[in-house]
Amino acid sequence: MSNEERVRVEVRADGVACVTLVRTDKSNALDGAMFDALIAAGERLRNERGVRAVVLAGEGKGFCAGIDMQVLADMKDGSIAGTRDLVARTHGLSNRFQYAAWIWRELPMPVIAAVHGFALGGGLELALGADMRYATPDARLSIMEVNWGLVPDMGGTVRFYDLMRDDVVRELAFTGRVFPAAEALSYGLVTRVDADPHALAWATAREIAERSPDAVRALKRLFAGQSSRAAAAGLLAETVEQQALLGTPNQMETVFASREGRAPVFIG
């Protein structure tokens, strides 16, 4: 594996594929190359008829730590990893960054996220792209974008309202609080809590693979149709808000303050 590799894809003979984030030196943080690698992995699996279920996991100490801090630091010029216009719909309903998470919603086969360690910010949004999420009891999750002066912009605002009560979404999003897997389970963000979510995800994926692929794919289409009726408007709205925030003085102050280990000083 080269140092530039971000995602590993393994397709097994039993019809189960595993997509693993392997940027372990950066806690699987999302940079431009990681976004592209996730999209490439999803596009590869989309048309593989032999794949009947997918496990989405992270290697190393956690699932995904969210956006790469270096990317945040480089927002000063108003761009993220080379993309200036977040509002443009470049991948169907979404932009490039949303699609890294949303593509798992669009795959014809079920996707199970196995979360250990942490799924923070964009990492949580990535996990929410899966049909189901299994997490270790000690896993930590957060809607933490407000800590960087930003809003969730990888489809999170759509998925949060699919799964959670309005007041709970607001409390977690306004504070950026980190919460444990048991709490996430009570909110509906996690499907099951298990000591070995990877083994459980594999077992469920194998069980799905033993069912009629035509029926399973039909079910996924039906479920996707129900949960995505408002998705186009929601995906667009979150990027409009994000575009307006990026590079503003208060947004950049959150990043600089974090890097310098001090309390932010906001304008207004």
C-alpha atoms as a PDB file:
ATOM      1  CA  MET A   1       0.000   0.000   0.000  1.00  0.00           C
ATOM      2  CA  SER A   2       1.420   3.399  -0.973  1.00  0.00           C
ATOM      3  CA  ASN A   3       1.391   6.406   1.335  1.00  0.00           C
ATOM      4  CA  GLU A   4      -1.045   8.063  -1.063  1.00  0.00           C
ATOM      5  CA  GLU A   5      -3.679   5.336  -0.802  1.00  0.00           C
ATOM      6  CA  ARG A   6      -6.772   6.411   1.100  1.00  0.00           C
ATOM      7  CA  VAL A   7      -9.303   3.606   0.614  1.00  0.00           C
ATOM      8  CA  ARG A   8      -8.922  -0.139   0.140  1.00  0.00           C
ATOM      9  CA  VAL A   9     -11.639  -2.170  -1.621  1.00  0.00           C
ATOM     10  CA  GLU A  10     -11.863  -5.936  -1.182  1.00  0.00           C
ATOM     11  CA  VAL A  11     -14.477  -8.046  -2.962  1.00  0.00           C
ATOM     12  CA  ARG A  12     -14.959 -11.525  -1.518  1.00  0.00           C
ATOM     13  CA  ALA A  13     -16.289 -14.661  -3.151  1.00  0.00           C
ATOM     14  CA  ASP A  14     -19.300 -14.700  -0.810  1.00  0.00           C
ATOM     15  CA  GLY A  15     -20.685 -11.539  -2.390  1.00  0.00           C
ATOM     16  CA  VAL A  16     -19.567  -9.169   0.368  1.00  0.00           C
ATOM     17  CA  ALA A  17     -17.274  -6.215  -0.366  1.00  0.00           C
ATOM     18  CA  CYS A  18     -15.341  -4.271   2.267  1.00  0.00           C
ATOM     19  CA  VAL A  19     -14.443  -0.616   1.767  1.00  0.00           C
ATOM     20  CA  THR A  20     -11.843   0.428   4.341  1.00  0.00           C
ATOM     21  CA  LEU A  21     -10.456   3.887   5.041  1.00  0.00           C
ATOM     22  CA  VAL A  22      -6.700   3.404   5.422  1.00  0.00           C
ATOM     23  CA  ARG A  23      -5.300   6.865   6.093  1.00  0.00           C
ATOM     24  CA  THR A  24      -4.356   5.718   9.566  1.00  0.00           C
ATOM     25  CA  ASP A  25      -1.605   8.286  10.165  1.00  0.00           C
ATOM     26  CA  LYS A  26      -4.288  11.003  10.023  1.00  0.00           C
ATOM     27  CA  SER A  27      -7.077   9.090  11.822  1.00  0.00           C
ATOM     28  CA  ASN A  28      -8.711   8.595   8.408  1.00  0.00           C
ATOM     29  CA  ALA A  29      -9.367  12.339   8.185  1.00  0.00           C
ATOM     30  CA  LEU A  30     -11.051  13.567   5.029  1.00  0.00           C
ATOM     31  CA  ASP A  31      -8.885  15.445   2.561  1.00  0.00           C
ATOM     32  CA  GLY A  32      -9.348  15.947  -1.177  1.00  0.00           C
ATOM     33  CA  ALA A  33      -7.767  12.612  -2.030  1.00  0.00           C
ATOM     34  CA  MET A  34      -9.968  10.808   0.505  1.00  0.00           C
ATOM     35  CA  PHE A  35     -13.134  12.314  -0.962  1.00  0.00           C
ATOM     36  CA  ASP A  36     -12.072  11.181  -4.428  1.00  0.00           C
ATOM     37  CA  ALA A  37     -11.088   7.708  -3.206  1.00  0.00           C
ATOM     38  CA  LEU A  38     -14.458   7.174  -1.504  1.00  0.00           C
ATOM     39  CA  ILE A  39     -16.317   8.204  -4.644  1.00  0.00           C
ATOM     40  CA  ALA A  40     -14.125   5.957  -6.794  1.00  0.00           C
ATOM     41  CA  ALA A  41     -14.787   3.008  -4.464  1.00  0.00           C
ATOM     42  CA  GLY A  42     -18.533   3.534  -4.596  1.00  0.00           C
ATOM     43  CA  GLU A  43     -18.542   3.913  -8.371  1.00  0.00           C
ATOM     44  CA  ARG A  44     -16.515   0.732  -8.740  1.00  0.00           C
ATOM     45  CA  LEU A  45     -19.006  -1.267  -6.668  1.00  0.00           C
ATOM     46  CA  ARG A  46     -22.143   0.276  -8.160  1.00  0.00           C
ATOM     47  CA  ASN A  47     -22.164  -1.963 -11.230  1.00  0.00           C
ATOM     48  CA  GLU A  48     -20.611  -5.123  -9.785  1.00  0.00           C
ATOM     49  CA  ARG A  49     -23.541  -7.525  -9.870  1.00  0.00           C
ATOM     50  CA  GLY A  50     -21.643 -10.084  -7.828  1.00  0.00           C
ATOM     51  CA  VAL A  51     -21.503  -7.724  -4.854  1.00  0.00           C
ATOM     52  CA  ARG A  52     -24.609  -8.163  -2.702  1.00  0.00           C
ATOM     53  CA  ALA A  53     -23.633  -6.204   0.420  1.00  0.00           C
ATOM     54  CA  VAL A  54     -20.906  -3.752   1.441  1.00  0.00           C
ATOM     55  CA  VAL A  55     -19.140  -3.196   4.757  1.00  0.00           C
ATOM     56  CA  LEU A  56     -17.754   0.328   5.229  1.00  0.00           C
ATOM     57  CA  ALA A  57     -15.044   0.549   7.894  1.00  0.00           C
ATOM     58  CA  GLY A  58     -11.986   2.437   9.052  1.00  0.00           C
ATOM     59  CA  GLU A  59      -8.559   0.996   9.803  1.00  0.00           C
ATOM     60  CA  GLY A  60      -6.506   2.083  12.793  1.00  0.00           C
ATOM     61  CA  LYS A  61      -7.740   3.695  15.988  1.00  0.00           C
ATOM     62  CA  GLY A  62     -11.070   4.946  14.674  1.00  0.00           C
ATOM     63  CA  PHE A  63     -13.551   5.086  11.820  1.00  0.00           C
ATOM     64  CA  CYS A  64     -13.033   8.678  10.673  1.00  0.00           C
ATOM     65  CA  ALA A  65     -12.013  11.852  12.505  1.00  0.00           C
ATOM     66  CA  GLY A  66     -13.796  14.149  10.047  1.00  0.00           C
ATOM     67  CA  ILE A  67     -12.356  16.911   7.926  1.00  0.00           C
ATOM     68  CA  ASP A  68      -8.569  17.195   7.790  1.00  0.00           C
ATOM     69  CA  MET A  69      -7.437  20.164   9.880  1.00  0.00           C
ATOM     70  CA  GLN A  70      -4.967  21.167   7.184  1.00  0.00           C
ATOM     71  CA  VAL A  71      -7.863  21.520   4.766  1.00  0.00           C
ATOM     72  CA  LEU A  72      -9.578  23.811   7.263  1.00  0.00           C
ATOM     73  CA  ALA A  73      -6.429  25.878   7.605  1.00  0.00           C
ATOM     74  CA  ASP A  74      -6.239  26.244   3.826  1.00  0.00           C
ATOM     75  CA  MET A  75      -9.773  27.677   3.576  1.00  0.00           C
ATOM     76  CA  LYS A  76      -8.406  31.193   3.768  1.00  0.00           C
ATOM     77  CA  ASP A  77      -8.687  31.558  -0.014  1.00  0.00           C
ATOM     78  CA  GLY A  78     -12.287  30.316   0.021  1.00  0.00           C
ATOM     79  CA  SER A  79     -11.552  26.882  -1.416  1.00  0.00           C
ATOM     80  CA  ILE A  80     -11.600  23.344  -0.045  1.00  0.00           C
ATOM     81  CA  ALA A  81      -9.273  20.858  -1.670  1.00  0.00           C
ATOM     82  CA  GLY A  82      -9.480  22.734  -4.981  1.00  0.00           C
ATOM     83  CA  THR A  83     -13.243  23.271  -5.122  1.00  0.00           C
ATOM     84  CA  ARG A  84     -14.539  26.825  -4.862  1.00  0.00           C
ATOM     85  CA  ASP A  85     -18.229  26.387  -5.718  1.00  0.00           C
ATOM     86  CA  LEU A  86     -19.955  24.078  -3.257  1.00  0.00           C
ATOM     87  CA  VAL A  87     -23.417  24.995  -4.519  1.00  0.00           C
ATOM     88  CA  ALA A  88     -22.871  23.540  -8.001  1.00  0.00           C
ATOM     89  CA  ARG A  89     -24.482  20.098  -8.359  1.00  0.00           C
ATOM     90  CA  THR A  90     -21.600  18.097  -9.844  1.00  0.00           C
ATOM     91  CA  HIS A  91     -22.755  14.581  -8.867  1.00  0.00           C
ATOM     92  CA  GLY A  92     -26.497  14.211  -9.370  1.00  0.00           C
ATOM     93  CA  LEU A  93     -28.241  15.669  -6.309  1.00  0.00           C
ATOM     94  CA  SER A  94     -24.944  16.578  -4.663  1.00  0.00           C
ATOM     95  CA  ASN A  95     -21.544  18.172  -4.937  1.00  0.00           C
ATOM     96  CA  ARG A  96     -18.258  16.287  -4.736  1.00  0.00           C
ATOM     97  CA  PHE A  97     -18.004  16.372  -0.956  1.00  0.00           C
ATOM     98  CA  GLN A  98     -21.599  15.336  -0.318  1.00  0.00           C
ATOM     99  CA  TYR A  99     -21.272  12.537  -2.846  1.00  0.00           C
ATOM    100  CA  ALA A 100     -18.476  10.858  -0.868  1.00  0.00           C
ATOM    101  CA  ALA A 101     -21.164  10.085   1.740  1.00  0.00           C
ATOM    102  CA  TRP A 102     -24.306  10.104  -0.404  1.00  0.00           C
ATOM    103  CA  ILE A 103     -23.024   7.585  -2.935  1.00  0.00           C
ATOM    104  CA  TRP A 104     -23.533   4.805  -0.373  1.00  0.00           C
ATOM    105  CA  ARG A 105     -27.223   5.760  -0.274  1.00  0.00           C
ATOM    106  CA  GLU A 106     -27.345   5.330  -4.041  1.00  0.00           C
ATOM    107  CA  LEU A 107     -25.580   1.975  -4.334  1.00  0.00           C
ATOM    108  CA  PRO A 108     -28.033  -0.771  -5.317  1.00  0.00           C
ATOM    109  CA  MET A 109     -26.886  -3.079  -2.523  1.00  0.00           C
ATOM    110  CA  PRO A 110     -27.096  -2.534   1.266  1.00  0.00           C
ATOM    111  CA  VAL A 111     -24.156  -0.850   3.012  1.00  0.00           C
ATOM    112  CA  ILE A 112     -23.261  -1.430   6.675  1.00  0.00           C
ATOM    113  CA  ALA A 113     -20.894   0.935   8.490  1.00  0.00           C
ATOM    114  CA  ALA A 114     -18.729  -0.640  11.221  1.00  0.00           C
ATOM    115  CA  VAL A 115     -17.703   2.175  13.556  1.00  0.00           C
ATOM    116  CA  HIS A 116     -15.022   1.920  16.216  1.00  0.00           C
ATOM    117  CA  GLY A 117     -13.135   4.588  18.123  1.00  0.00           C
ATOM    118  CA  PHE A 118     -14.765   7.684  16.675  1.00  0.00           C
ATOM    119  CA  ALA A 119     -16.934   9.087  13.897  1.00  0.00           C
ATOM    120  CA  LEU A 120     -16.691  12.845  14.160  1.00  0.00           C
ATOM    121  CA  GLY A 121     -18.151  15.586  11.986  1.00  0.00           C
ATOM    122  CA  GLY A 122     -17.737  14.486   8.384  1.00  0.00           C
ATOM    123  CA  GLY A 123     -16.865  11.008   9.668  1.00  0.00           C
ATOM    124  CA  LEU A 124     -20.323  10.729  11.215  1.00  0.00           C
ATOM    125  CA  GLU A 125     -21.895  12.020   8.011  1.00  0.00           C
ATOM    126  CA  LEU A 126     -19.988   9.369   6.071  1.00  0.00           C
ATOM    127  CA  ALA A 127     -21.313   6.650   8.388  1.00  0.00           C
ATOM    128  CA  LEU A 128     -24.831   8.027   7.932  1.00  0.00           C
ATOM    129  CA  GLY A 129     -24.517   7.317   4.221  1.00  0.00           C
ATOM    130  CA  ALA A 130     -24.733   3.620   5.070  1.00  0.00           C
ATOM    131  CA  ASP A 131     -28.036   1.781   5.475  1.00  0.00           C
ATOM    132  CA  MET A 132     -27.049   0.587   8.964  1.00  0.00           C
ATOM    133  CA  ARG A 133     -24.409   1.498  11.529  1.00  0.00           C
ATOM    134  CA  TYR A 134     -22.876  -0.822  14.132  1.00  0.00           C
ATOM    135  CA  ALA A 135     -20.609   0.774  16.756  1.00  0.00           C
ATOM    136  CA  THR A 136     -18.382  -0.269  19.635  1.00  0.00           C
ATOM    137  CA  PRO A 137     -19.592   0.721  23.125  1.00  0.00           C
ATOM    138  CA  ASP A 138     -16.641   3.108  23.517  1.00  0.00           C
ATOM    139  CA  ALA A 139     -17.105   4.798  20.140  1.00  0.00           C
ATOM    140  CA  ARG A 140     -17.468   8.588  20.252  1.00  0.00           C
ATOM    141  CA  LEU A 141     -19.594  10.538  17.799  1.00  0.00           C
ATOM    142  CA  SER A 142     -20.237  14.222  17.199  1.00  0.00           C
ATOM    143  CA  ILE A 143     -21.980  16.690  14.907  1.00  0.00           C
ATOM    144  CA  MET A 144     -18.960  18.897  15.444  1.00  0.00           C
ATOM    145  CA  GLU A 145     -18.876  21.239  12.436  1.00  0.00           C
ATOM    146  CA  VAL A 146     -19.958  24.218  14.559  1.00  0.00           C
ATOM    147  CA  ASN A 147     -16.587  23.913  16.314  1.00  0.00           C
ATOM    148  CA  TRP A 148     -14.961  25.003  13.035  1.00  0.00           C
ATOM    149  CA  GLY A 149     -17.500  27.750  12.335  1.00  0.00           C
ATOM    150  CA  LEU A 150     -19.222  25.558   9.749  1.00  0.00           C
ATOM    151  CA  VAL A 151     -22.351  23.481   9.208  1.00  0.00           C
ATOM    152  CA  PRO A 152     -22.623  19.795   8.225  1.00  0.00           C
ATOM    153  CA  ASP A 153     -22.357  19.703   4.439  1.00  0.00           C
ATOM    154  CA  MET A 154     -22.037  16.030   3.466  1.00  0.00           C
ATOM    155  CA  GLY A 155     -25.746  15.294   3.552  1.00  0.00           C
ATOM    156  CA  GLY A 156     -25.848  15.276   7.333  1.00  0.00           C
ATOM    157  CA  THR A 157     -28.688  17.754   7.685  1.00  0.00           C
ATOM    158  CA  VAL A 158     -30.851  15.498   5.515  1.00  0.00           C
ATOM    159  CA  ARG A 159     -29.940  12.297   7.341  1.00  0.00           C
ATOM    160  CA  PHE A 160     -30.238  13.786  10.846  1.00  0.00           C
ATOM    161  CA  TYR A 161     -33.870  14.603  10.181  1.00  0.00           C
ATOM    162  CA  ASP A 162     -34.473  11.147   8.716  1.00  0.00           C
ATOM    163  CA  LEU A 163     -33.335   9.592  11.994  1.00  0.00           C
ATOM    164  CA  MET A 164     -33.626  11.964  14.952  1.00  0.00           C
ATOM    165  CA  ARG A 165     -35.989  14.217  16.866  1.00  0.00           C
ATOM    166  CA  ASP A 166     -35.786  17.881  15.939  1.00  0.00           C
ATOM    167  CA  ASP A 167     -34.746  19.081  19.397  1.00  0.00           C
ATOM    168  CA  VAL A 168     -32.020  16.430  19.699  1.00  0.00           C
ATOM    169  CA  VAL A 169     -30.564  17.381  16.305  1.00  0.00           C
ATOM    170  CA  ARG A 170     -30.482  21.004  17.342  1.00  0.00           C
ATOM    171  CA  GLU A 171     -28.863  20.357  20.718  1.00  0.00           C
ATOM    172  CA  LEU A 172     -26.089  18.254  19.222  1.00  0.00           C
ATOM    173  CA  ALA A 173     -25.496  20.524  16.219  1.00  0.00           C
ATOM    174  CA  PHE A 174     -25.522  23.785  18.207  1.00  0.00           C
ATOM    175  CA  THR A 175     -23.030  22.504  20.787  1.00  0.00           C
ATOM    176  CA  GLY A 176     -20.794  20.135  18.808  1.00  0.00           C
ATOM    177  CA  ARG A 177     -20.863  17.867  21.852  1.00  0.00           C
ATOM    178  CA  VAL A 178     -19.143  14.484  21.657  1.00  0.00           C
ATOM    179  CA  PHE A 179     -21.423  11.641  22.781  1.00  0.00           C
ATOM    180  CA  PRO A 180     -21.007   7.872  23.266  1.00  0.00           C
ATOM    181  CA  ALA A 181     -22.421   5.063  21.149  1.00  0.00           C
ATOM    182  CA  ALA A 182     -25.142   4.194  23.684  1.00  0.00           C
ATOM    183  CA  GLU A 183     -26.477   7.726  23.401  1.00  0.00           C
ATOM    184  CA  ALA A 184     -26.252   7.553  19.616  1.00  0.00           C
ATOM    185  CA  LEU A 185     -28.270   4.337  19.730  1.00  0.00           C
ATOM    186  CA  SER A 186     -31.019   6.047  21.718  1.00  0.00           C
ATOM    187  CA  TYR A 187     -31.119   8.854  19.150  1.00  0.00           C
ATOM    188  CA  GLY A 188     -31.343   6.501  16.160  1.00  0.00           C
ATOM    189  CA  LEU A 189     -27.922   7.397  14.758  1.00  0.00           C
ATOM    190  CA  VAL A 190     -26.563   3.923  15.511  1.00  0.00           C
ATOM    191  CA  THR A 191     -28.383   0.702  14.633  1.00  0.00           C
ATOM    192  CA  ARG A 192     -26.679  -1.579  17.164  1.00  0.00           C
ATOM    193  CA  VAL A 193     -23.882  -1.336  19.736  1.00  0.00           C
ATOM    194  CA  ASP A 194     -21.582  -4.344  19.795  1.00  0.00           C
ATOM    195  CA  ALA A 195     -18.112  -5.174  21.099  1.00  0.00           C
ATOM    196  CA  ASP A 196     -17.056  -6.237  17.585  1.00  0.00           C
ATOM    197  CA  PRO A 197     -19.009  -4.204  15.026  1.00  0.00           C
ATOM    198  CA  HIS A 198     -16.771  -5.399  12.193  1.00  0.00           C
ATOM    199  CA  ALA A 199     -17.641  -9.053  12.830  1.00  0.00           C
ATOM    200  CA  LEU A 200     -21.315  -8.170  13.250  1.00  0.00           C
ATOM    201  CA  ALA A 201     -21.286  -6.175  10.013  1.00  0.00           C
ATOM    202  CA  TRP A 202     -19.691  -9.086   8.163  1.00  0.00           C
ATOM    203  CA  ALA A 203     -22.249 -11.506   9.598  1.00  0.00           C
ATOM    204  CA  THR A 204     -25.168  -9.290   8.576  1.00  0.00           C
ATOM    205  CA  ALA A 205     -23.660  -8.706   5.144  1.00  0.00           C
ATOM    206  CA  ARG A 206     -23.264 -12.451   4.602  1.00  0.00           C
ATOM    207  CA  GLU A 207     -26.858 -13.007   5.692  1.00  0.00           C
ATOM    208  CA  ILE A 208     -28.033 -10.374   3.206  1.00  0.00           C
ATOM    209  CA  ALA A 209     -25.882 -11.949   0.494  1.00  0.00           C
ATOM    210  CA  GLU A 210     -27.807 -15.197   0.956  1.00  0.00           C
ATOM    211  CA  ARG A 211     -31.103 -13.489   0.082  1.00  0.00           C
ATOM    212  CA  SER A 212     -32.425 -12.875  -3.437  1.00  0.00           C
ATOM    213  CA  PRO A 213     -30.341 -10.000  -4.841  1.00  0.00           C
ATOM    214  CA  ASP A 214     -33.318  -8.836  -6.901  1.00  0.00           C
ATOM    215  CA  ALA A 215     -35.528  -8.507  -3.820  1.00  0.00           C
ATOM    216  CA  VAL A 216     -32.802  -6.847  -1.751  1.00  0.00           C
ATOM    217  CA  ARG A 217     -32.067  -4.303  -4.465  1.00  0.00           C
ATOM    218  CA  ALA A 218     -35.787  -3.623  -4.897  1.00  0.00           C
ATOM    219  CA  LEU A 219     -36.065  -3.006  -1.157  1.00  0.00           C
ATOM    220  CA  LYS A 220     -33.161  -0.581  -1.231  1.00  0.00           C
ATOM    221  CA  ARG A 221     -34.756   1.345  -4.098  1.00  0.00           C
ATOM    222  CA  LEU A 222     -38.031   1.584  -2.183  1.00  0.00           C
ATOM    223  CA  PHE A 223     -36.381   2.703   1.040  1.00  0.00           C
ATOM    224  CA  ALA A 224     -34.205   5.215  -0.802  1.00  0.00           C
ATOM    225  CA  GLY A 225     -37.254   6.673  -2.502  1.00  0.00           C
ATOM    226  CA  GLN A 226     -39.014   7.191   0.821  1.00  0.00           C
ATOM    227  CA  SER A 227     -36.105   8.768   2.680  1.00  0.00           C
ATOM    228  CA  SER A 228     -34.842  10.934  -0.177  1.00  0.00           C
ATOM    229  CA  ARG A 229     -37.999  12.809  -1.187  1.00  0.00           C
ATOM    230  CA  ALA A 230     -36.669  16.049   0.306  1.00  0.00           C
ATOM    231  CA  ALA A 231     -33.006  15.213  -0.240  1.00  0.00           C
ATOM    232  CA  ALA A 232     -32.395  17.415  -3.285  1.00  0.00           C
ATOM    233  CA  ALA A 233     -33.598  20.549  -1.520  1.00  0.00           C
ATOM    234  CA  GLY A 234     -31.809  19.660   1.709  1.00  0.00           C
ATOM    235  CA  LEU A 235     -28.488  18.892   0.046  1.00  0.00           C
ATOM    236  CA  LEU A 236     -28.600  22.178  -1.853  1.00  0.00           C
ATOM    237  CA  ALA A 237     -29.590  24.206   1.209  1.00  0.00           C
ATOM    238  CA  GLU A 238     -26.706  22.985   3.362  1.00  0.00           C
ATOM    239  CA  THR A 239     -24.141  23.880   0.714  1.00  0.00           C
ATOM    240  CA  VAL A 240     -25.623  27.362   0.249  1.00  0.00           C
ATOM    241  CA  GLU A 241     -25.159  27.958   3.975  1.00  0.00           C
ATOM    242  CA  GLN A 242     -21.685  26.422   3.970  1.00  0.00           C
ATOM    243  CA  GLN A 243     -20.528  28.505   1.009  1.00  0.00           C
ATOM    244  CA  ALA A 244     -21.590  31.669   2.843  1.00  0.00           C
ATOM    245  CA  LEU A 245     -19.610  30.662   5.961  1.00  0.00           C
ATOM    246  CA  LEU A 246     -16.347  29.542   4.390  1.00  0.00           C
ATOM    247  CA  GLY A 247     -13.468  31.944   4.746  1.00  0.00           C
ATOM    248  CA  THR A 248     -15.399  34.503   6.800  1.00  0.00           C
ATOM    249  CA  PRO A 249     -13.565  36.111   9.736  1.00  0.00           C
ATOM    250  CA  ASN A 250     -15.488  34.208  12.403  1.00  0.00           C
ATOM    251  CA  GLN A 251     -15.074  30.886  10.598  1.00  0.00           C
ATOM    252  CA  MET A 252     -11.348  31.331  10.199  1.00  0.00           C
ATOM    253  CA  GLU A 253     -11.068  32.497  13.826  1.00  0.00           C
ATOM    254  CA  THR A 254     -12.431  29.137  15.011  1.00  0.00           C
ATOM    255  CA  VAL A 255      -9.696  27.339  13.069  1.00  0.00           C
ATOM    256  CA  PHE A 256      -6.867  29.633  14.157  1.00  0.00           C
ATOM    257  CA  ALA A 257      -7.989  29.575  17.787  1.00  0.00           C
ATOM    258  CA  SER A 258      -8.078  25.790  17.793  1.00  0.00           C
ATOM    259  CA  ARG A 259      -4.612  25.522  16.262  1.00  0.00           C
ATOM    260  CA  GLU A 260      -3.230  28.070  18.739  1.00  0.00           C
ATOM    261  CA  GLY A 261      -4.914  26.499  21.773  1.00  0.00           C
ATOM    262  CA  ARG A 262      -6.863  29.609  22.801  1.00  0.00           C
ATOM    263  CA  ALA A 263     -10.467  30.736  23.108  1.00  0.00           C
ATOM    264  CA  PRO A 264     -11.855  32.256  19.885  1.00  0.00           C
ATOM    265  CA  VAL A 265     -12.629  35.979  19.714  1.00  0.00           C
ATOM    266  CA  PHE A 266     -15.610  36.489  17.448  1.00  0.00           C
ATOM    267  CA  ILE A 267     -16.872  39.607  15.671  1.00  0.00           C
ATOM    268  CA  GLY A 268     -20.475  40.580  16.364  1.00  0.00           C
END
